[in-house]
Amino acid sequence: MKDYQAQLEKLRTDAAECALIRDLATAPGKRELFGRLAAHLTVLANQVELAMHERKRKTG
């Protein structure tokens, strides 16, 4: 479970960093790219979190 938690924290941190870069970028292409990356990483983090809850539910 610690592996899941570490991955979750890393994904959330990476998503926040991408969102920050998106907000600071002046080039439209970079804004779009980092916006998509932030959204994708957030979805991945949500999926890891769901897997954690599902695993916890099944085991205890």
PDB file of N, CA and C in Angstrom:
ATOM      1  N   MET A   1       0.821  -1.189   0.000  1.00  0.00           N
ATOM      2  CA  MET A   1       0.000   0.000   0.000  1.00  0.00           C
ATOM      3  C   MET A   1       0.871   1.260   0.000  1.00  0.00           C
ATOM      4  N   LYS A   2       2.052   1.170   0.575  1.00  0.00           N
ATOM      5  CA  LYS A   2       2.952   2.320   0.592  1.00  0.00           C
ATOM      6  C   LYS A   2       3.378   2.697  -0.818  1.00  0.00           C
ATOM      7  N   ASP A   3       3.537   1.688  -1.688  1.00  0.00           N
ATOM      8  CA  ASP A   3       3.887   1.963  -3.087  1.00  0.00           C
ATOM      9  C   ASP A   3       2.791   2.765  -3.771  1.00  0.00           C
ATOM     10  N   TYR A   4       1.547   2.389  -3.519  1.00  0.00           N
ATOM     11  CA  TYR A   4       0.419   3.119  -4.099  1.00  0.00           C
ATOM     12  C   TYR A   4       0.413   4.564  -3.613  1.00  0.00           C
ATOM     13  N   GLN A   5       0.622   4.743  -2.302  1.00  0.00           N
ATOM     14  CA  GLN A   5       0.595   6.085  -1.730  1.00  0.00           C
ATOM     15  C   GLN A   5       1.718   6.953  -2.305  1.00  0.00           C
ATOM     16  N   ALA A   6       2.897   6.377  -2.450  1.00  0.00           N
ATOM     17  CA  ALA A   6       4.024   7.119  -3.017  1.00  0.00           C
ATOM     18  C   ALA A   6       3.728   7.513  -4.463  1.00  0.00           C
ATOM     19  N   GLN A   7       3.176   6.588  -5.229  1.00  0.00           N
ATOM     20  CA  GLN A   7       2.819   6.891  -6.626  1.00  0.00           C
ATOM     21  C   GLN A   7       1.758   7.969  -6.697  1.00  0.00           C
ATOM     22  N   LEU A   8       0.776   7.872  -5.816  1.00  0.00           N
ATOM     23  CA  LEU A   8      -0.302   8.850  -5.792  1.00  0.00           C
ATOM     24  C   LEU A   8       0.252  10.244  -5.513  1.00  0.00           C
ATOM     25  N   GLU A   9       1.108  10.349  -4.520  1.00  0.00           N
ATOM     26  CA  GLU A   9       1.698  11.647  -4.187  1.00  0.00           C
ATOM     27  C   GLU A   9       2.541  12.185  -5.339  1.00  0.00           C
ATOM     28  N   LYS A  10       3.295  11.321  -5.992  1.00  0.00           N
ATOM     29  CA  LYS A  10       4.130  11.743  -7.124  1.00  0.00           C
ATOM     30  C   LYS A  10       3.260  12.244  -8.279  1.00  0.00           C
ATOM     31  N   LEU A  11       2.206  11.519  -8.590  1.00  0.00           N
ATOM     32  CA  LEU A  11       1.316  11.931  -9.676  1.00  0.00           C
ATOM     33  C   LEU A  11       0.648  13.266  -9.369  1.00  0.00           C
ATOM     34  N   ARG A  12       0.201  13.441  -8.140  1.00  0.00           N
ATOM     35  CA  ARG A  12      -0.444  14.703  -7.762  1.00  0.00           C
ATOM     36  C   ARG A  12       0.552  15.870  -7.833  1.00  0.00           C
ATOM     37  N   THR A  13       1.780  15.623  -7.388  1.00  0.00           N
ATOM     38  CA  THR A  13       2.812  16.658  -7.452  1.00  0.00           C
ATOM     39  C   THR A  13       3.134  17.015  -8.901  1.00  0.00           C
ATOM     40  N   ASP A  14       3.292  15.993  -9.730  1.00  0.00           N
ATOM     41  CA  ASP A  14       3.588  16.232 -11.146  1.00  0.00           C
ATOM     42  C   ASP A  14       2.449  16.980 -11.834  1.00  0.00           C
ATOM     43  N   ALA A  15       1.210  16.624 -11.499  1.00  0.00           N
ATOM     44  CA  ALA A  15       0.056  17.315 -12.085  1.00  0.00           C
ATOM     45  C   ALA A  15       0.050  18.781 -11.677  1.00  0.00           C
ATOM     46  N   ALA A  16       0.360  19.057 -10.418  1.00  0.00           N
ATOM     47  CA  ALA A  16       0.390  20.437  -9.941  1.00  0.00           C
ATOM     48  C   ALA A  16       1.504  21.222 -10.631  1.00  0.00           C
ATOM     49  N   GLU A  17       2.650  20.603 -10.835  1.00  0.00           N
ATOM     50  CA  GLU A  17       3.754  21.277 -11.518  1.00  0.00           C
ATOM     51  C   GLU A  17       3.404  21.578 -12.971  1.00  0.00           C
ATOM     52  N   CYS A  18       2.749  20.643 -13.629  1.00  0.00           N
ATOM     53  CA  CYS A  18       2.328  20.881 -15.016  1.00  0.00           C
ATOM     54  C   CYS A  18       1.308  22.015 -15.081  1.00  0.00           C
ATOM     55  N   ALA A  19       0.398  22.058 -14.117  1.00  0.00           N
ATOM     56  CA  ALA A  19      -0.590  23.133 -14.089  1.00  0.00           C
ATOM     57  C   ALA A  19       0.084  24.482 -13.867  1.00  0.00           C
ATOM     58  N   LEU A  20       1.093  24.505 -13.027  1.00  0.00           N
ATOM     59  CA  LEU A  20       1.828  25.746 -12.789  1.00  0.00           C
ATOM     60  C   LEU A  20       2.549  26.201 -14.059  1.00  0.00           C
ATOM     61  N   ILE A  21       3.202  25.266 -14.729  1.00  0.00           N
ATOM     62  CA  ILE A  21       3.892  25.601 -15.983  1.00  0.00           C
ATOM     63  C   ILE A  21       2.875  26.104 -17.007  1.00  0.00           C
ATOM     64  N   ARG A  22       1.728  25.438 -17.088  1.00  0.00           N
ATOM     65  CA  ARG A  22       0.656  25.881 -17.996  1.00  0.00           C
ATOM     66  C   ARG A  22       0.267  27.319 -17.708  1.00  0.00           C
ATOM     67  N   ASP A  23       0.100  27.630 -16.437  1.00  0.00           N
ATOM     68  CA  ASP A  23      -0.337  28.969 -16.060  1.00  0.00           C
ATOM     69  C   ASP A  23       0.720  30.036 -16.335  1.00  0.00           C
ATOM     70  N   LEU A  24       1.981  29.643 -16.298  1.00  0.00           N
ATOM     71  CA  LEU A  24       3.066  30.606 -16.514  1.00  0.00           C
ATOM     72  C   LEU A  24       3.496  30.712 -17.967  1.00  0.00           C
ATOM     73  N   ALA A  25       3.134  29.721 -18.774  1.00  0.00           N
ATOM     74  CA  ALA A  25       3.558  29.694 -20.178  1.00  0.00           C
ATOM     75  C   ALA A  25       2.889  30.822 -20.967  1.00  0.00           C
ATOM     76  N   THR A  26       3.663  31.382 -21.875  1.00  0.00           N
ATOM     77  CA  THR A  26       3.108  32.438 -22.729  1.00  0.00           C
ATOM     78  C   THR A  26       2.765  31.902 -24.115  1.00  0.00           C
ATOM     79  N   ALA A  27       3.423  30.833 -24.525  1.00  0.00           N
ATOM     80  CA  ALA A  27       3.152  30.255 -25.842  1.00  0.00           C
ATOM     81  C   ALA A  27       1.885  29.389 -25.769  1.00  0.00           C
ATOM     82  N   PRO A  28       0.950  29.627 -26.663  1.00  0.00           N
ATOM     83  CA  PRO A  28      -0.302  28.855 -26.646  1.00  0.00           C
ATOM     84  C   PRO A  28      -0.081  27.343 -26.726  1.00  0.00           C
ATOM     85  N   GLY A  29       0.883  26.907 -27.514  1.00  0.00           N
ATOM     86  CA  GLY A  29       1.159  25.478 -27.639  1.00  0.00           C
ATOM     87  C   GLY A  29       1.613  24.861 -26.331  1.00  0.00           C
ATOM     88  N   LYS A  30       2.466  25.589 -25.616  1.00  0.00           N
ATOM     89  CA  LYS A  30       2.934  25.096 -24.314  1.00  0.00           C
ATOM     90  C   LYS A  30       1.796  25.083 -23.304  1.00  0.00           C
ATOM     91  N   ARG A  31       0.969  26.107 -23.342  1.00  0.00           N
ATOM     92  CA  ARG A  31      -0.177  26.151 -22.418  1.00  0.00           C
ATOM     93  C   ARG A  31      -1.076  24.945 -22.641  1.00  0.00           C
ATOM     94  N   GLU A  32      -1.344  24.643 -23.897  1.00  0.00           N
ATOM     95  CA  GLU A  32      -2.214  23.504 -24.223  1.00  0.00           C
ATOM     96  C   GLU A  32      -1.567  22.187 -23.800  1.00  0.00           C
ATOM     97  N   LEU A  33      -0.310  22.013 -24.137  1.00  0.00           N
ATOM     98  CA  LEU A  33       0.401  20.773 -23.814  1.00  0.00           C
ATOM     99  C   LEU A  33       0.427  20.521 -22.308  1.00  0.00           C
ATOM    100  N   PHE A  34       0.836  21.529 -21.547  1.00  0.00           N
ATOM    101  CA  PHE A  34       0.933  21.335 -20.107  1.00  0.00           C
ATOM    102  C   PHE A  34      -0.442  21.242 -19.449  1.00  0.00           C
ATOM    103  N   GLY A  35      -1.431  21.838 -20.045  1.00  0.00           N
ATOM    104  CA  GLY A  35      -2.805  21.666 -19.564  1.00  0.00           C
ATOM    105  C   GLY A  35      -3.271  20.232 -19.742  1.00  0.00           C
ATOM    106  N   ARG A  36      -2.975  19.681 -20.907  1.00  0.00           N
ATOM    107  CA  ARG A  36      -3.346  18.278 -21.164  1.00  0.00           C
ATOM    108  C   ARG A  36      -2.579  17.340 -20.247  1.00  0.00           C
ATOM    109  N   LEU A  37      -1.283  17.613 -20.050  1.00  0.00           N
ATOM    110  CA  LEU A  37      -0.489  16.780 -19.147  1.00  0.00           C
ATOM    111  C   LEU A  37      -1.035  16.830 -17.725  1.00  0.00           C
ATOM    112  N   ALA A  38      -1.370  18.016 -17.251  1.00  0.00           N
ATOM    113  CA  ALA A  38      -1.922  18.158 -15.904  1.00  0.00           C
ATOM    114  C   ALA A  38      -3.221  17.365 -15.768  1.00  0.00           C
ATOM    115  N   ALA A  39      -4.075  17.477 -16.760  1.00  0.00           N
ATOM    116  CA  ALA A  39      -5.352  16.753 -16.727  1.00  0.00           C
ATOM    117  C   ALA A  39      -5.124  15.241 -16.743  1.00  0.00           C
ATOM    118  N   HIS A  40      -4.217  14.788 -17.589  1.00  0.00           N
ATOM    119  CA  HIS A  40      -3.935  13.351 -17.699  1.00  0.00           C
ATOM    120  C   HIS A  40      -3.358  12.808 -16.395  1.00  0.00           C
ATOM    121  N   LEU A  41      -2.413  13.530 -15.819  1.00  0.00           N
ATOM    122  CA  LEU A  41      -1.811  13.080 -14.564  1.00  0.00           C
ATOM    123  C   LEU A  41      -2.833  13.065 -13.432  1.00  0.00           C
ATOM    124  N   THR A  42      -3.768  13.996 -13.456  1.00  0.00           N
ATOM    125  CA  THR A  42      -4.828  14.012 -12.447  1.00  0.00           C
ATOM    126  C   THR A  42      -5.720  12.788 -12.590  1.00  0.00           C
ATOM    127  N   VAL A  43      -6.044  12.429 -13.814  1.00  0.00           N
ATOM    128  CA  VAL A  43      -6.848  11.224 -14.054  1.00  0.00           C
ATOM    129  C   VAL A  43      -6.101   9.990 -13.560  1.00  0.00           C
ATOM    130  N   LEU A  44      -4.821   9.900 -13.860  1.00  0.00           N
ATOM    131  CA  LEU A  44      -4.028   8.764 -13.401  1.00  0.00           C
ATOM    132  C   LEU A  44      -3.993   8.695 -11.877  1.00  0.00           C
ATOM    133  N   ALA A  45      -3.818   9.843 -11.232  1.00  0.00           N
ATOM    134  CA  ALA A  45      -3.799   9.875  -9.769  1.00  0.00           C
ATOM    135  C   ALA A  45      -5.145   9.418  -9.211  1.00  0.00           C
ATOM    136  N   ASN A  46      -6.221   9.846  -9.827  1.00  0.00           N
ATOM    137  CA  ASN A  46      -7.554   9.422  -9.381  1.00  0.00           C
ATOM    138  C   ASN A  46      -7.723   7.911  -9.529  1.00  0.00           C
ATOM    139  N   GLN A  47      -7.193   7.346 -10.595  1.00  0.00           N
ATOM    140  CA  GLN A  47      -7.289   5.911 -10.801  1.00  0.00           C
ATOM    141  C   GLN A  47      -6.473   5.137  -9.772  1.00  0.00           C
ATOM    142  N   VAL A  48      -5.306   5.638  -9.431  1.00  0.00           N
ATOM    143  CA  VAL A  48      -4.489   5.003  -8.394  1.00  0.00           C
ATOM    144  C   VAL A  48      -5.215   5.070  -7.054  1.00  0.00           C
ATOM    145  N   GLU A  49      -5.812   6.215  -6.770  1.00  0.00           N
ATOM    146  CA  GLU A  49      -6.548   6.363  -5.518  1.00  0.00           C
ATOM    147  C   GLU A  49      -7.730   5.398  -5.454  1.00  0.00           C
ATOM    148  N   LEU A  50      -8.442   5.255  -6.554  1.00  0.00           N
ATOM    149  CA  LEU A  50      -9.546   4.292  -6.604  1.00  0.00           C
ATOM    150  C   LEU A  50      -9.050   2.866  -6.391  1.00  0.00           C
ATOM    151  N   ALA A  51      -7.925   2.535  -6.997  1.00  0.00           N
ATOM    152  CA  ALA A  51      -7.350   1.202  -6.827  1.00  0.00           C
ATOM    153  C   ALA A  51      -6.969   0.968  -5.368  1.00  0.00           C
ATOM    154  N   MET A  52      -6.447   1.989  -4.720  1.00  0.00           N
ATOM    155  CA  MET A  52      -6.101   1.876  -3.304  1.00  0.00           C
ATOM    156  C   MET A  52      -7.346   1.576  -2.467  1.00  0.00           C
ATOM    157  N   HIS A  53      -8.402   2.326  -2.707  1.00  0.00           N
ATOM    158  CA  HIS A  53      -9.640   2.123  -1.949  1.00  0.00           C
ATOM    159  C   HIS A  53     -10.244   0.750  -2.233  1.00  0.00           C
ATOM    160  N   GLU A  54     -10.192   0.347  -3.475  1.00  0.00           N
ATOM    161  CA  GLU A  54     -10.735  -0.959  -3.864  1.00  0.00           C
ATOM    162  C   GLU A  54      -9.945  -2.083  -3.188  1.00  0.00           C
ATOM    163  N   ARG A  55      -8.634  -1.954  -3.199  1.00  0.00           N
ATOM    164  CA  ARG A  55      -7.797  -2.976  -2.569  1.00  0.00           C
ATOM    165  C   ARG A  55      -8.025  -3.034  -1.065  1.00  0.00           C
ATOM    166  N   LYS A  56      -8.156  -1.855  -0.464  1.00  0.00           N
ATOM    167  CA  LYS A  56      -8.402  -1.799   0.977  1.00  0.00           C
ATOM    168  C   LYS A  56      -9.751  -2.420   1.323  1.00  0.00           C
ATOM    169  N   ARG A  57     -10.743  -2.141   0.482  1.00  0.00           N
ATOM    170  CA  ARG A  57     -12.084  -2.688   0.694  1.00  0.00           C
ATOM    171  C   ARG A  57     -12.080  -4.214   0.620  1.00  0.00           C
ATOM    172  N   LYS A  58     -11.316  -4.754  -0.320  1.00  0.00           N
ATOM    173  CA  LYS A  58     -11.265  -6.204  -0.517  1.00  0.00           C
ATOM    174  C   LYS A  58     -10.502  -6.920   0.596  1.00  0.00           C
ATOM    175  N   THR A  59      -9.482  -6.255   1.135  1.00  0.00           N
ATOM    176  CA  THR A  59      -8.636  -6.916   2.123  1.00  0.00           C
ATOM    177  C   THR A  59      -9.017  -6.618   3.556  1.00  0.00           C
ATOM    178  N   GLY A  60      -9.858  -5.670   3.757  1.00  0.00           N
ATOM    179  CA  GLY A  60     -10.124  -5.440   5.154  1.00  0.00           C
ATOM    180  C   GLY A  60     -11.169  -4.532   5.482  1.00  0.00           C
TER     181      GLY A  60
END
